[in-house]
C-alpha atoms as a PDB file:
ATOM      1  CA  UNK A   1      -8.785  -1.626  29.020  1.00  0.00           C
ATOM      2  CA  UNK A   2     -10.135  -3.335  25.141  1.00  0.00           C
ATOM      3  CA  UNK A   3     -11.673  -0.893  22.973  1.00  0.00           C
ATOM      4  CA  UNK A   4     -14.960  -1.870  21.451  1.00  0.00           C
ATOM      5  CA  UNK A   5     -13.699  -1.354  17.408  1.00  0.00           C
ATOM      6  CA  UNK A   6     -16.006  -1.270  14.390  1.00  0.00           C
ATOM      7  CA  UNK A   7     -14.213  -2.074  11.014  1.00  0.00           C
ATOM      8  CA  UNK A   8     -15.678  -0.733   7.927  1.00  0.00           C
ATOM      9  CA  UNK A   9     -14.006  -4.059   5.832  1.00  0.00           C
ATOM     10  CA  UNK A  10     -10.805  -6.031   7.961  1.00  0.00           C
ATOM     11  CA  UNK A  11     -11.077  -9.108   5.995  1.00  0.00           C
ATOM     12  CA  UNK A  12      -8.600  -8.233   2.971  1.00  0.00           C
ATOM     13  CA  UNK A  13      -5.388  -6.384   2.928  1.00  0.00           C
ATOM     14  CA  UNK A  14      -4.534  -4.245   5.328  1.00  0.00           C
ATOM     15  CA  UNK A  15      -8.092  -4.029   7.849  1.00  0.00           C
ATOM     16  CA  UNK A  16      -6.835  -8.066   8.381  1.00  0.00           C
ATOM     17  CA  UNK A  17      -3.358  -6.927   9.896  1.00  0.00           C
ATOM     18  CA  UNK A  18      -4.429  -4.454  11.354  1.00  0.00           C
ATOM     19  CA  UNK A  19      -7.508  -6.570  13.155  1.00  0.00           C
ATOM     20  CA  UNK A  20      -5.009  -9.115  13.492  1.00  0.00           C
ATOM     21  CA  UNK A  21      -3.339  -6.142  15.012  1.00  0.00           C
ATOM     22  CA  UNK A  22      -6.943  -5.331  16.988  1.00  0.00           C
ATOM     23  CA  UNK A  23      -7.188  -9.099  18.693  1.00  0.00           C
ATOM     24  CA  UNK A  24      -3.557  -9.137  19.508  1.00  0.00           C
ATOM     25  CA  UNK A  25      -4.023  -6.444  22.244  1.00  0.00           C
ATOM     26  CA  UNK A  26      -7.112  -7.892  23.808  1.00  0.00           C
ATOM     27  CA  UNK A  27      -9.580  -5.431  21.770  1.00  0.00           C
ATOM     28  CA  UNK A  28     -13.158  -6.501  20.991  1.00  0.00           C
ATOM     29  CA  UNK A  29     -13.547  -6.109  17.073  1.00  0.00           C
ATOM     30  CA  UNK A  30     -16.978  -5.732  15.408  1.00  0.00           C
ATOM     31  CA  UNK A  31     -16.258  -6.448  11.390  1.00  0.00           C
ATOM     32  CA  UNK A  32     -19.170  -4.392   9.127  1.00  0.00           C
ATOM     33  CA  UNK A  33     -18.406  -6.289   5.292  1.00  0.00           C
ATOM     34  CA  UNK A  34     -20.122  -7.614   2.638  1.00  0.00           C
ATOM     35  CA  UNK A  35     -19.384 -11.736   3.425  1.00  0.00           C
ATOM     36  CA  UNK A  36     -16.957 -11.347  -0.042  1.00  0.00           C
ATOM     37  CA  UNK A  37     -13.958 -11.576   1.187  1.00  0.00           C
ATOM     38  CA  UNK A  38     -12.023 -13.629   3.543  1.00  0.00           C
ATOM     39  CA  UNK A  39     -15.923 -14.327   5.226  1.00  0.00           C
ATOM     40  CA  UNK A  40     -14.354 -17.335   7.565  1.00  0.00           C
ATOM     41  CA  UNK A  41     -12.101 -14.768   9.238  1.00  0.00           C
ATOM     42  CA  UNK A  42     -12.574 -13.836  12.593  1.00  0.00           C
ATOM     43  CA  UNK A  43     -14.714 -16.783  14.039  1.00  0.00           C
ATOM     44  CA  UNK A  44     -13.557 -14.255  17.497  1.00  0.00           C
ATOM     45  CA  UNK A  45     -15.179 -11.481  16.096  1.00  0.00           C
ATOM     46  CA  UNK A  46     -18.811 -10.721  15.535  1.00  0.00           C
ATOM     47  CA  UNK A  47     -19.252  -9.956  11.994  1.00  0.00           C
ATOM     48  CA  UNK A  48     -22.196  -7.472  10.290  1.00  0.00           C
ATOM     49  CA  UNK A  49     -23.119  -7.732   6.768  1.00  0.00           C
ATOM     50  CA  UNK A  50     -23.737  -5.087   4.698  1.00  0.00           C
ATOM     51  CA  UNK A  51     -22.828  -2.761   1.858  1.00  0.00           C
ATOM     52  CA  UNK A  52     -21.709   0.292   3.088  1.00  0.00           C
ATOM     53  CA  UNK A  53     -22.685   1.831   0.014  1.00  0.00           C
ATOM     54  CA  UNK A  54     -26.017   1.358   1.304  1.00  0.00           C
ATOM     55  CA  UNK A  55     -25.715   2.017   3.948  1.00  0.00           C
ATOM     56  CA  UNK A  56     -24.576   0.828   7.534  1.00  0.00           C
ATOM     57  CA  UNK A  57     -28.353   0.725   9.143  1.00  0.00           C
ATOM     58  CA  UNK A  58     -27.795  -3.201   9.730  1.00  0.00           C
ATOM     59  CA  UNK A  59     -25.449  -2.008  12.756  1.00  0.00           C
ATOM     60  CA  UNK A  60     -28.539  -1.067  14.826  1.00  0.00           C
ATOM     61  CA  UNK A  61     -27.831   1.090  17.921  1.00  0.00           C
ATOM     62  CA  UNK A  62     -24.491  -0.408  18.283  1.00  0.00           C
ATOM     63  CA  UNK A  63     -22.090   2.431  20.377  1.00  0.00           C
ATOM     64  CA  UNK A  64     -17.495   2.338  19.560  1.00  0.00           C
ATOM     65  CA  UNK A  65     -14.886   3.491  21.308  1.00  0.00           C
ATOM     66  CA  UNK A  66     -13.712   3.951  17.703  1.00  0.00           C
ATOM     67  CA  UNK A  67     -13.595   2.543  13.903  1.00  0.00           C
ATOM     68  CA  UNK A  68     -11.265   2.488  11.517  1.00  0.00           C
ATOM     69  CA  UNK A  69     -12.569   2.353   8.075  1.00  0.00           C
ATOM     70  CA  UNK A  70      -9.904   0.747   5.697  1.00  0.00           C
ATOM     71  CA  UNK A  71     -12.488  -0.085   2.382  1.00  0.00           C
ATOM     72  CA  UNK A  72     -13.549   3.589   2.333  1.00  0.00           C
ATOM     73  CA  UNK A  73     -13.086   5.522  -1.296  1.00  0.00           C
ATOM     74  CA  UNK A  74     -15.538   7.097  -2.635  1.00  0.00           C
ATOM     75  CA  UNK A  75     -16.921  10.358  -1.218  1.00  0.00           C
ATOM     76  CA  UNK A  76     -20.259   9.977  -1.449  1.00  0.00           C
ATOM     77  CA  UNK A  77     -19.681   6.348   0.302  1.00  0.00           C
ATOM     78  CA  UNK A  78     -17.575   7.609   3.404  1.00  0.00           C
ATOM     79  CA  UNK A  79     -20.117  11.141   3.958  1.00  0.00           C
ATOM     80  CA  UNK A  80     -23.095   7.754   4.136  1.00  0.00           C
ATOM     81  CA  UNK A  81     -20.967   6.222   7.202  1.00  0.00           C
ATOM     82  CA  UNK A  82     -19.207   9.328   8.575  1.00  0.00           C
ATOM     83  CA  UNK A  83     -23.357  10.705   9.300  1.00  0.00           C
ATOM     84  CA  UNK A  84     -24.003   7.175  10.337  1.00  0.00           C
ATOM     85  CA  UNK A  85     -21.704   6.910  12.868  1.00  0.00           C
ATOM     86  CA  UNK A  86     -20.979  10.035  14.173  1.00  0.00           C
ATOM     87  CA  UNK A  87     -23.399  10.188  17.572  1.00  0.00           C
ATOM     88  CA  UNK A  88     -21.916   6.244  17.584  1.00  0.00           C
ATOM     89  CA  UNK A  89     -18.518   6.288  17.750  1.00  0.00           C
ATOM     90  CA  UNK A  90     -15.844   7.790  19.837  1.00  0.00           C
ATOM     91  CA  UNK A  91     -13.260   8.320  17.298  1.00  0.00           C
ATOM     92  CA  UNK A  92     -12.753   7.789  13.605  1.00  0.00           C
ATOM     93  CA  UNK A  93     -10.039   6.610  12.091  1.00  0.00           C
ATOM     94  CA  UNK A  94      -9.712   6.439   8.046  1.00  0.00           C
ATOM     95  CA  UNK A  95      -7.062   5.005   6.179  1.00  0.00           C
ATOM     96  CA  UNK A  96      -6.158   6.942   2.688  1.00  0.00           C
ATOM     97  CA  UNK A  97      -3.102   7.069   0.852  1.00  0.00           C
ATOM     98  CA  UNK A  98      -0.055   9.781  -0.366  1.00  0.00           C
ATOM     99  CA  UNK A  99      -1.364   9.442  -3.321  1.00  0.00           C
ATOM    100  CA  UNK A 100      -3.831  12.246  -2.098  1.00  0.00           C
ATOM    101  CA  UNK A 101      -0.759  14.770  -2.854  1.00  0.00           C
ATOM    102  CA  UNK A 102      -1.399  17.618  -5.291  1.00  0.00           C
ATOM    103  CA  UNK A 103       2.300  17.498  -5.921  1.00  0.00           C
ATOM    104  CA  UNK A 104       3.255  13.766  -6.344  1.00  0.00           C
ATOM    105  CA  UNK A 105       6.713  14.589  -7.920  1.00  0.00           C
ATOM    106  CA  UNK A 106       7.941  16.657  -5.748  1.00  0.00           C
ATOM    107  CA  UNK A 107      10.034  15.074  -2.951  1.00  0.00           C
ATOM    108  CA  UNK A 108       9.740  14.970   0.625  1.00  0.00           C
ATOM    109  CA  UNK A 109       5.891  16.121   1.079  1.00  0.00           C
ATOM    110  CA  UNK A 110       4.910  15.288   4.473  1.00  0.00           C
ATOM    111  CA  UNK A 111       1.301  16.031   6.690  1.00  0.00           C
ATOM    112  CA  UNK A 112       0.978  19.131   5.956  1.00  0.00           C
ATOM    113  CA  UNK A 113       1.287  18.835   2.071  1.00  0.00           C
ATOM    114  CA  UNK A 114      -1.784  20.591  -0.589  1.00  0.00           C
ATOM    115  CA  UNK A 115      -4.476  18.338  -1.368  1.00  0.00           C
ATOM    116  CA  UNK A 116      -5.454  17.462  -5.434  1.00  0.00           C
ATOM    117  CA  UNK A 117      -8.281  18.494  -5.483  1.00  0.00           C
ATOM    118  CA  UNK A 118     -11.980  16.569  -6.554  1.00  0.00           C
ATOM    119  CA  UNK A 119     -13.967  18.056  -8.749  1.00  0.00           C
ATOM    120  CA  UNK A 120     -18.138  16.874  -8.413  1.00  0.00           C
ATOM    121  CA  UNK A 121     -18.687  17.216 -11.751  1.00  0.00           C
ATOM    122  CA  UNK A 122     -16.971  14.295 -12.601  1.00  0.00           C
ATOM    123  CA  UNK A 123     -17.732  11.171 -10.534  1.00  0.00           C
ATOM    124  CA  UNK A 124     -16.932   8.707  -8.268  1.00  0.00           C
ATOM    125  CA  UNK A 125     -15.044   6.810 -10.918  1.00  0.00           C
ATOM    126  CA  UNK A 126     -12.577   4.681  -9.011  1.00  0.00           C
ATOM    127  CA  UNK A 127      -9.235   5.136 -11.365  1.00  0.00           C
ATOM    128  CA  UNK A 128      -5.345   5.246 -11.641  1.00  0.00           C
ATOM    129  CA  UNK A 129      -6.406   8.949 -12.560  1.00  0.00           C
ATOM    130  CA  UNK A 130      -9.322   9.519  -9.692  1.00  0.00           C
ATOM    131  CA  UNK A 131      -7.939   7.725  -7.115  1.00  0.00           C
ATOM    132  CA  UNK A 132      -5.998   9.964  -5.232  1.00  0.00           C
ATOM    133  CA  UNK A 133      -8.762  12.964  -5.820  1.00  0.00           C
ATOM    134  CA  UNK A 134     -11.406  10.657  -4.863  1.00  0.00           C
ATOM    135  CA  UNK A 135      -9.720  10.254  -1.626  1.00  0.00           C
ATOM    136  CA  UNK A 136      -8.321  12.988  -1.164  1.00  0.00           C
ATOM    137  CA  UNK A 137     -11.681  14.088  -0.883  1.00  0.00           C
ATOM    138  CA  UNK A 138     -12.714  11.366   1.723  1.00  0.00           C
ATOM    139  CA  UNK A 139     -10.152  12.963   4.352  1.00  0.00           C
ATOM    140  CA  UNK A 140     -12.260  15.997   4.173  1.00  0.00           C
ATOM    141  CA  UNK A 141     -15.080  14.350   4.532  1.00  0.00           C
ATOM    142  CA  UNK A 142     -14.391  12.927   7.790  1.00  0.00           C
ATOM    143  CA  UNK A 143     -12.169  15.523   9.352  1.00  0.00           C
ATOM    144  CA  UNK A 144     -15.423  17.784   8.803  1.00  0.00           C
ATOM    145  CA  UNK A 145     -18.193  14.945  10.902  1.00  0.00           C
ATOM    146  CA  UNK A 146     -14.797  13.983  13.412  1.00  0.00           C
ATOM    147  CA  UNK A 147     -13.014  17.426  13.868  1.00  0.00           C
ATOM    148  CA  UNK A 148     -10.266  16.693  16.767  1.00  0.00           C
ATOM    149  CA  UNK A 149     -12.300  12.928  16.950  1.00  0.00           C
ATOM    150  CA  UNK A 150     -10.560  11.916  13.694  1.00  0.00           C
ATOM    151  CA  UNK A 151      -7.304  10.015  12.884  1.00  0.00           C
ATOM    152  CA  UNK A 152      -5.849  10.739   9.235  1.00  0.00           C
ATOM    153  CA  UNK A 153      -3.527   7.179   7.838  1.00  0.00           C
ATOM    154  CA  UNK A 154      -1.761   8.271   4.454  1.00  0.00           C
ATOM    155  CA  UNK A 155       0.376   4.753   3.122  1.00  0.00           C
ATOM    156  CA  UNK A 156       2.942   5.147   0.925  1.00  0.00           C
ATOM    157  CA  UNK A 157       3.483   1.586  -1.325  1.00  0.00           C
ATOM    158  CA  UNK A 158       2.004  -1.166   1.265  1.00  0.00           C
ATOM    159  CA  UNK A 159       4.079  -4.917   0.204  1.00  0.00           C
ATOM    160  CA  UNK A 160       3.371  -8.510   2.848  1.00  0.00           C
ATOM    161  CA  UNK A 161       2.172 -11.598   3.474  1.00  0.00           C
ATOM    162  CA  UNK A 162      -1.676 -11.207   1.610  1.00  0.00           C
ATOM    163  CA  UNK A 163      -1.564  -8.086  -0.796  1.00  0.00           C
ATOM    164  CA  UNK A 164      -3.281  -8.127  -3.304  1.00  0.00           C
ATOM    165  CA  UNK A 165      -1.968  -5.593  -5.908  1.00  0.00           C
ATOM    166  CA  UNK A 166       1.093  -8.094  -6.084  1.00  0.00           C
ATOM    167  CA  UNK A 167       3.837  -5.320  -6.975  1.00  0.00           C
ATOM    168  CA  UNK A 168       6.472  -6.583  -4.435  1.00  0.00           C
ATOM    169  CA  UNK A 169       4.947  -9.864  -4.127  1.00  0.00           C
ATOM    170  CA  UNK A 170       6.042 -10.242  -8.137  1.00  0.00           C
ATOM    171  CA  UNK A 171       9.101  -8.894  -7.210  1.00  0.00           C
ATOM    172  CA  UNK A 172      10.195 -11.521  -4.563  1.00  0.00           C
ATOM    173  CA  UNK A 173       8.363 -14.203  -6.780  1.00  0.00           C
ATOM    174  CA  UNK A 174      10.962 -13.649  -9.758  1.00  0.00           C
ATOM    175  CA  UNK A 175      14.040 -13.010  -7.991  1.00  0.00           C
ATOM    176  CA  UNK A 176      13.549 -16.288  -6.488  1.00  0.00           C
ATOM    177  CA  UNK A 177      13.119 -18.134  -9.562  1.00  0.00           C
ATOM    178  CA  UNK A 178      17.130 -17.062 -10.897  1.00  0.00           C
ATOM    179  CA  UNK A 179      18.201 -15.985 -14.346  1.00  0.00           C
ATOM    180  CA  UNK A 180      18.619 -12.506 -15.930  1.00  0.00           C
ATOM    181  CA  UNK A 181      15.962 -10.471 -14.279  1.00  0.00           C
ATOM    182  CA  UNK A 182      15.035  -7.578 -16.601  1.00  0.00           C
ATOM    183  CA  UNK A 183      15.433  -4.572 -13.240  1.00  0.00           C
ATOM    184  CA  UNK A 184      14.079  -1.026 -14.194  1.00  0.00           C
ATOM    185  CA  UNK A 185      17.219   1.944 -14.135  1.00  0.00           C
ATOM    186  CA  UNK A 186      18.616   3.903 -12.461  1.00  0.00           C
ATOM    187  CA  UNK A 187      18.946   1.663 -10.234  1.00  0.00           C
ATOM    188  CA  UNK A 188      19.955   4.724  -7.867  1.00  0.00           C
ATOM    189  CA  UNK A 189      16.872   5.965  -7.547  1.00  0.00           C
ATOM    190  CA  UNK A 190      15.411   5.829  -4.531  1.00  0.00           C
ATOM    191  CA  UNK A 191      12.566   2.955  -2.881  1.00  0.00           C
ATOM    192  CA  UNK A 192      10.188   3.478   0.277  1.00  0.00           C
ATOM    193  CA  UNK A 193       7.574   0.496   1.813  1.00  0.00           C
ATOM    194  CA  UNK A 194       6.007  -0.397   4.599  1.00  0.00           C
ATOM    195  CA  UNK A 195       5.065  -3.891   5.685  1.00  0.00           C
ATOM    196  CA  UNK A 196       1.369  -3.374   5.785  1.00  0.00           C
ATOM    197  CA  UNK A 197       1.419  -5.400   9.768  1.00  0.00           C
ATOM    198  CA  UNK A 198       3.373  -2.489  10.457  1.00  0.00           C
ATOM    199  CA  UNK A 199       0.707  -0.161   9.345  1.00  0.00           C
ATOM    200  CA  UNK A 200      -2.012  -2.448  11.379  1.00  0.00           C
ATOM    201  CA  UNK A 201       0.392  -3.103  14.850  1.00  0.00           C
ATOM    202  CA  UNK A 202       0.830   0.822  14.026  1.00  0.00           C
ATOM    203  CA  UNK A 203      -2.938   2.077  14.289  1.00  0.00           C
ATOM    204  CA  UNK A 204      -3.137   0.283  16.408  1.00  0.00           C
ATOM    205  CA  UNK A 205      -1.248   1.449  18.497  1.00  0.00           C
ATOM    206  CA  UNK A 206      -2.108   5.599  18.102  1.00  0.00           C
ATOM    207  CA  UNK A 207      -5.874   4.531  18.574  1.00  0.00           C
ATOM    208  CA  UNK A 208      -5.215   3.484  22.029  1.00  0.00           C
ATOM    209  CA  UNK A 209      -2.625   6.816  22.523  1.00  0.00           C
ATOM    210  CA  UNK A 210      -6.056   8.246  21.933  1.00  0.00           C
ATOM    211  CA  UNK A 211      -3.845   9.982  18.778  1.00  0.00           C
ATOM    212  CA  UNK A 212      -5.454  12.774  16.226  1.00  0.00           C
ATOM    213  CA  UNK A 213      -4.628  14.233  12.812  1.00  0.00           C
ATOM    214  CA  UNK A 214      -2.531  12.631  10.585  1.00  0.00           C
ATOM    215  CA  UNK A 215      -0.078   9.864   9.535  1.00  0.00           C
ATOM    216  CA  UNK A 216       2.153  10.079   6.498  1.00  0.00           C
ATOM    217  CA  UNK A 217       3.651   5.957   7.766  1.00  0.00           C
ATOM    218  CA  UNK A 218       6.058   4.703   4.774  1.00  0.00           C
ATOM    219  CA  UNK A 219       9.550   2.388   5.088  1.00  0.00           C
ATOM    220  CA  UNK A 220      11.908   1.880   5.513  1.00  0.00           C
ATOM    221  CA  UNK A 221      13.776   4.357   7.986  1.00  0.00           C
ATOM    222  CA  UNK A 222      16.676   5.072   6.308  1.00  0.00           C
ATOM    223  CA  UNK A 223      16.764   6.462   2.319  1.00  0.00           C
ATOM    224  CA  UNK A 224      17.160   2.830   0.239  1.00  0.00           C
ATOM    225  CA  UNK A 225      17.653   2.618  -3.603  1.00  0.00           C
ATOM    226  CA  UNK A 226      15.868   0.453  -5.736  1.00  0.00           C
ATOM    227  CA  UNK A 227      19.062  -1.786  -6.446  1.00  0.00           C
ATOM    228  CA  UNK A 228      19.996  -1.951  -2.632  1.00  0.00           C
ATOM    229  CA  UNK A 229      16.016  -3.631  -2.358  1.00  0.00           C
ATOM    230  CA  UNK A 230      16.437  -6.038  -5.989  1.00  0.00           C
ATOM    231  CA  UNK A 231      19.619  -6.930  -4.432  1.00  0.00           C
ATOM    232  CA  UNK A 232      18.013  -7.438  -1.084  1.00  0.00           C
ATOM    233  CA  UNK A 233      15.676 -10.040  -2.767  1.00  0.00           C
ATOM    234  CA  UNK A 234      17.834 -11.752  -5.326  1.00  0.00           C
ATOM    235  CA  UNK A 235      20.400 -12.407  -2.544  1.00  0.00           C
ATOM    236  CA  UNK A 236      17.502 -13.865  -0.003  1.00  0.00           C
ATOM    237  CA  UNK A 237      16.493 -16.101  -2.779  1.00  0.00           C
ATOM    238  CA  UNK A 238      20.243 -17.886  -3.234  1.00  0.00           C
ATOM    239  CA  UNK A 239      19.686 -18.744  -7.214  1.00  0.00           C
ATOM    240  CA  UNK A 240      21.383 -17.564  -9.929  1.00  0.00           C
ATOM    241  CA  UNK A 241      19.494 -14.063 -10.561  1.00  0.00           C
ATOM    242  CA  UNK A 242      21.446 -11.700 -12.365  1.00  0.00           C
ATOM    243  CA  UNK A 243      19.838  -8.138 -12.558  1.00  0.00           C
ATOM    244  CA  UNK A 244      20.245  -6.900 -16.487  1.00  0.00           C
ATOM    245  CA  UNK A 245      19.555  -2.806 -15.720  1.00  0.00           C
ATOM    246  CA  UNK A 246      17.732  -1.608 -18.702  1.00  0.00           C
ATOM    247  CA  UNK A 247      17.297   2.194 -19.548  1.00  0.00           C
ATOM    248  CA  UNK A 248      14.362   4.018 -18.437  1.00  0.00           C
ATOM    249  CA  UNK A 249      13.952   5.505 -22.381  1.00  0.00           C
ATOM    250  CA  UNK A 250      14.431   1.978 -23.409  1.00  0.00           C
ATOM    251  CA  UNK A 251      11.781   0.338 -22.222  1.00  0.00           C
ATOM    252  CA  UNK A 252       8.989   3.339 -21.811  1.00  0.00           C
ATOM    253  CA  UNK A 253       9.598   3.220 -26.058  1.00  0.00           C
ATOM    254  CA  UNK A 254       8.833  -0.671 -26.080  1.00  0.00           C
ATOM    255  CA  UNK A 255       6.078   0.123 -24.154  1.00  0.00           C
ATOM    256  CA  UNK A 256       6.815  -1.580 -20.600  1.00  0.00           C
ATOM    257  CA  UNK A 257       3.849   0.364 -18.354  1.00  0.00           C
ATOM    258  CA  UNK A 258       5.161   1.860 -15.187  1.00  0.00           C
ATOM    259  CA  UNK A 259       4.414   0.652 -11.406  1.00  0.00           C
ATOM    260  CA  UNK A 260       2.625  -2.266 -13.617  1.00  0.00           C
ATOM    261  CA  UNK A 261       4.520  -4.833 -15.597  1.00  0.00           C
ATOM    262  CA  UNK A 262       7.561  -3.573 -13.189  1.00  0.00           C
ATOM    263  CA  UNK A 263       6.441  -2.478 -10.277  1.00  0.00           C
ATOM    264  CA  UNK A 264       8.508  -0.273  -8.239  1.00  0.00           C
ATOM    265  CA  UNK A 265       9.418   1.518 -11.329  1.00  0.00           C
ATOM    266  CA  UNK A 266       8.503   5.484 -11.758  1.00  0.00           C
ATOM    267  CA  UNK A 267      10.688   6.700 -14.704  1.00  0.00           C
ATOM    268  CA  UNK A 268      12.300  10.347 -13.899  1.00  0.00           C
ATOM    269  CA  UNK A 269       9.541  12.903 -14.790  1.00  0.00           C
ATOM    270  CA  UNK A 270       6.717  10.249 -13.201  1.00  0.00           C
ATOM    271  CA  UNK A 271       5.212  10.620  -9.367  1.00  0.00           C
ATOM    272  CA  UNK A 272       8.590   9.904  -8.298  1.00  0.00           C
ATOM    273  CA  UNK A 273       7.391  11.609  -5.091  1.00  0.00           C
ATOM    274  CA  UNK A 274       5.861   9.068  -4.024  1.00  0.00           C
ATOM    275  CA  UNK A 275       8.320   7.201  -3.262  1.00  0.00           C
ATOM    276  CA  UNK A 276      10.776   9.597  -0.686  1.00  0.00           C
ATOM    277  CA  UNK A 277       7.433  10.953   1.495  1.00  0.00           C
ATOM    278  CA  UNK A 278       8.451  12.510   5.309  1.00  0.00           C
ATOM    279  CA  UNK A 279       7.405   9.281   7.767  1.00  0.00           C
ATOM    280  CA  UNK A 280       9.154  11.076  10.724  1.00  0.00           C
ATOM    281  CA  UNK A 281       6.155  12.285  12.677  1.00  0.00           C
ATOM    282  CA  UNK A 282       5.099   9.072  12.015  1.00  0.00           C
ATOM    283  CA  UNK A 283       8.171   7.093  13.207  1.00  0.00           C
ATOM    284  CA  UNK A 284       8.784   9.787  16.227  1.00  0.00           C
ATOM    285  CA  UNK A 285       4.241   8.256  17.000  1.00  0.00           C
ATOM    286  CA  UNK A 286       5.936   4.140  17.084  1.00  0.00           C
ATOM    287  CA  UNK A 287       5.648   3.525  14.077  1.00  0.00           C
ATOM    288  CA  UNK A 288       8.309   0.651  13.435  1.00  0.00           C
ATOM    289  CA  UNK A 289       9.167  -0.212  10.279  1.00  0.00           C
ATOM    290  CA  UNK A 290      10.015  -4.565  10.086  1.00  0.00           C
ATOM    291  CA  UNK A 291      13.355  -5.574   9.313  1.00  0.00           C
ATOM    292  CA  UNK A 292      13.621  -6.246   5.026  1.00  0.00           C
ATOM    293  CA  UNK A 293      13.895  -9.745   5.287  1.00  0.00           C
ATOM    294  CA  UNK A 294      11.249 -11.186   7.683  1.00  0.00           C
ATOM    295  CA  UNK A 295       8.760  -9.446   5.285  1.00  0.00           C
ATOM    296  CA  UNK A 296      10.380 -11.299   2.589  1.00  0.00           C
ATOM    297  CA  UNK A 297      10.974 -14.986   4.369  1.00  0.00           C
ATOM    298  CA  UNK A 298       7.264 -14.333   4.901  1.00  0.00           C
ATOM    299  CA  UNK A 299       6.052 -13.338   1.495  1.00  0.00           C
ATOM    300  CA  UNK A 300       7.677 -16.408   0.276  1.00  0.00           C
ATOM    301  CA  UNK A 301       5.897 -18.465   2.684  1.00  0.00           C
ATOM    302  CA  UNK A 302       2.765 -16.559   1.686  1.00  0.00           C
ATOM    303  CA  UNK A 303       3.374 -17.135  -2.313  1.00  0.00           C
ATOM    304  CA  UNK A 304       3.998 -20.866  -1.816  1.00  0.00           C
ATOM    305  CA  UNK A 305       0.623 -20.897  -1.021  1.00  0.00           C
ATOM    306  CA  UNK A 306      -1.082 -19.389  -3.746  1.00  0.00           C
ATOM    307  CA  UNK A 307      -3.516 -21.254  -5.966  1.00  0.00           C
ATOM    308  CA  UNK A 308      -2.114 -22.936  -9.346  1.00  0.00           C
ATOM    309  CA  UNK A 309      -2.204 -21.037 -11.893  1.00  0.00           C
ATOM    310  CA  UNK A 310      -3.779 -17.947 -10.113  1.00  0.00           C
ATOM    311  CA  UNK A 311      -2.836 -14.854 -12.432  1.00  0.00           C
ATOM    312  CA  UNK A 312      -0.422 -11.986 -11.493  1.00  0.00           C
ATOM    313  CA  UNK A 313      -1.605  -8.910 -11.185  1.00  0.00           C
ATOM    314  CA  UNK A 314       1.630  -7.041 -11.808  1.00  0.00           C
ATOM    315  CA  UNK A 315       3.992  -8.036 -13.627  1.00  0.00           C
ATOM    316  CA  UNK A 316       5.189  -8.581 -16.828  1.00  0.00           C
ATOM    317  CA  UNK A 317       5.099 -12.379 -18.748  1.00  0.00           C
ATOM    318  CA  UNK A 318       8.346 -14.296 -18.968  1.00  0.00           C
ATOM    319  CA  UNK A 319       8.549 -14.578 -22.365  1.00  0.00           C
ATOM    320  CA  UNK A 320       7.621 -10.712 -22.664  1.00  0.00           C
ATOM    321  CA  UNK A 321      11.065 -10.162 -20.320  1.00  0.00           C
ATOM    322  CA  UNK A 322      12.915 -12.984 -22.349  1.00  0.00           C
ATOM    323  CA  UNK A 323      12.336 -10.601 -25.658  1.00  0.00           C
ATOM    324  CA  UNK A 324      12.939  -7.657 -23.167  1.00  0.00           C
ATOM    325  CA  UNK A 325      16.187  -8.577 -22.302  1.00  0.00           C
ATOM    326  CA  UNK A 326      17.174  -9.548 -25.666  1.00  0.00           C
ATOM    327  CA  UNK A 327      16.305  -6.540 -27.382  1.00  0.00           C
ATOM    328  CA  UNK A 328      17.881  -4.308 -24.325  1.00  0.00           C
ATOM    329  CA  UNK A 329      21.684  -6.695 -24.101  1.00  0.00           C
ATOM    330  CA  UNK A 330      21.553  -6.420 -27.966  1.00  0.00           C
ATOM    331  CA  UNK A 331      21.458  -2.590 -27.500  1.00  0.00           C
ATOM    332  CA  UNK A 332      23.604  -1.564 -25.191  1.00  0.00           C
ATOM    333  CA  UNK A 333      26.365  -3.427 -26.409  1.00  0.00           C
ATOM    334  CA  UNK A 334      27.521  -0.183 -27.500  1.00  0.00           C
ATOM    335  CA  UNK A 335      26.084   1.412 -25.245  1.00  0.00           C
ATOM    336  CA  UNK A 336      27.476   4.093 -22.313  1.00  0.00           C
ATOM    337  CA  UNK A 337      24.606   2.986 -20.465  1.00  0.00           C
ATOM    338  CA  UNK A 338      25.505  -0.406 -19.954  1.00  0.00           C
ATOM    339  CA  UNK A 339      26.506  -1.928 -16.517  1.00  0.00           C
ATOM    340  CA  UNK A 340      27.514  -4.371 -14.765  1.00  0.00           C
ATOM    341  CA  UNK A 341      24.360  -6.409 -13.269  1.00  0.00           C
ATOM    342  CA  UNK A 342      23.524  -5.201  -9.776  1.00  0.00           C
ATOM    343  CA  UNK A 343      25.597  -2.295  -9.785  1.00  0.00           C
ATOM    344  CA  UNK A 344      24.456   1.776  -9.599  1.00  0.00           C
ATOM    345  CA  UNK A 345      24.145   3.829 -11.951  1.00  0.00           C
END
């Protein structure tokens, strides 16, 4: 028998893919959103327009088997939603992030890892530094309100079609265009990712199974390096691309911003634990990361539908990349770091 599911959000990326998974499984879905992103999506669903920052009163007295919160970023918003829904929903699933960890530099973090503290006196402005602590505070509110009825998903880097961050998509497009490609060393650095559609499917499955508690959602199932990932992207493109691995010290000296100018790059003294979490509990519960080639193909096709001139949200410009490549190749002519592209460092 299908669930009656309330989704807070549901029209962007993770929410969109989760709604698709729920509908495919025959569930009855109601979307509560502002009507600003993808309002034309899911005409078969009930759409209730409203702003969770103000309240959920537009839902009236409706009751649901479960609520999926894909849009909770600030404690005040999540507290308001939890208080309103505590007696109206059977279970509450909150999409959090591995950025809640207090020590993101440590490898192997699982569901028991210490969470980052949030200081309410600092306010709720959302930025790179506050994102993790705010989400951790949101988790605590959900668990305090719903207890055994709470389900928390902590995904790592999410990728695939409709990704608004471009952190993975930029690499797909860049490597498909060929030519010498600036790659941030070392090639042997570990990296993790998960197709957002797999997270959506897994979340629906957990709700169906009556699961509770916290699940760290990351893939692939086997450890993978940045060199292996970018090499796969390059091979998929089938062009004349060549990976030119640059020393991370050189990139930092040149003002290249990790994870923004060159996505998927985290320097050795940075929060490298974000790419080496332990997803064993989720994998045992049924998380099934799809083969990389499927994500690549679908992302590449989706990129073909981007509007002309749409700006990238991550990555560097071709001119900046060319400038950095010239500087690095001139400097590395006598550097022991330089290795043939594609080889492990």
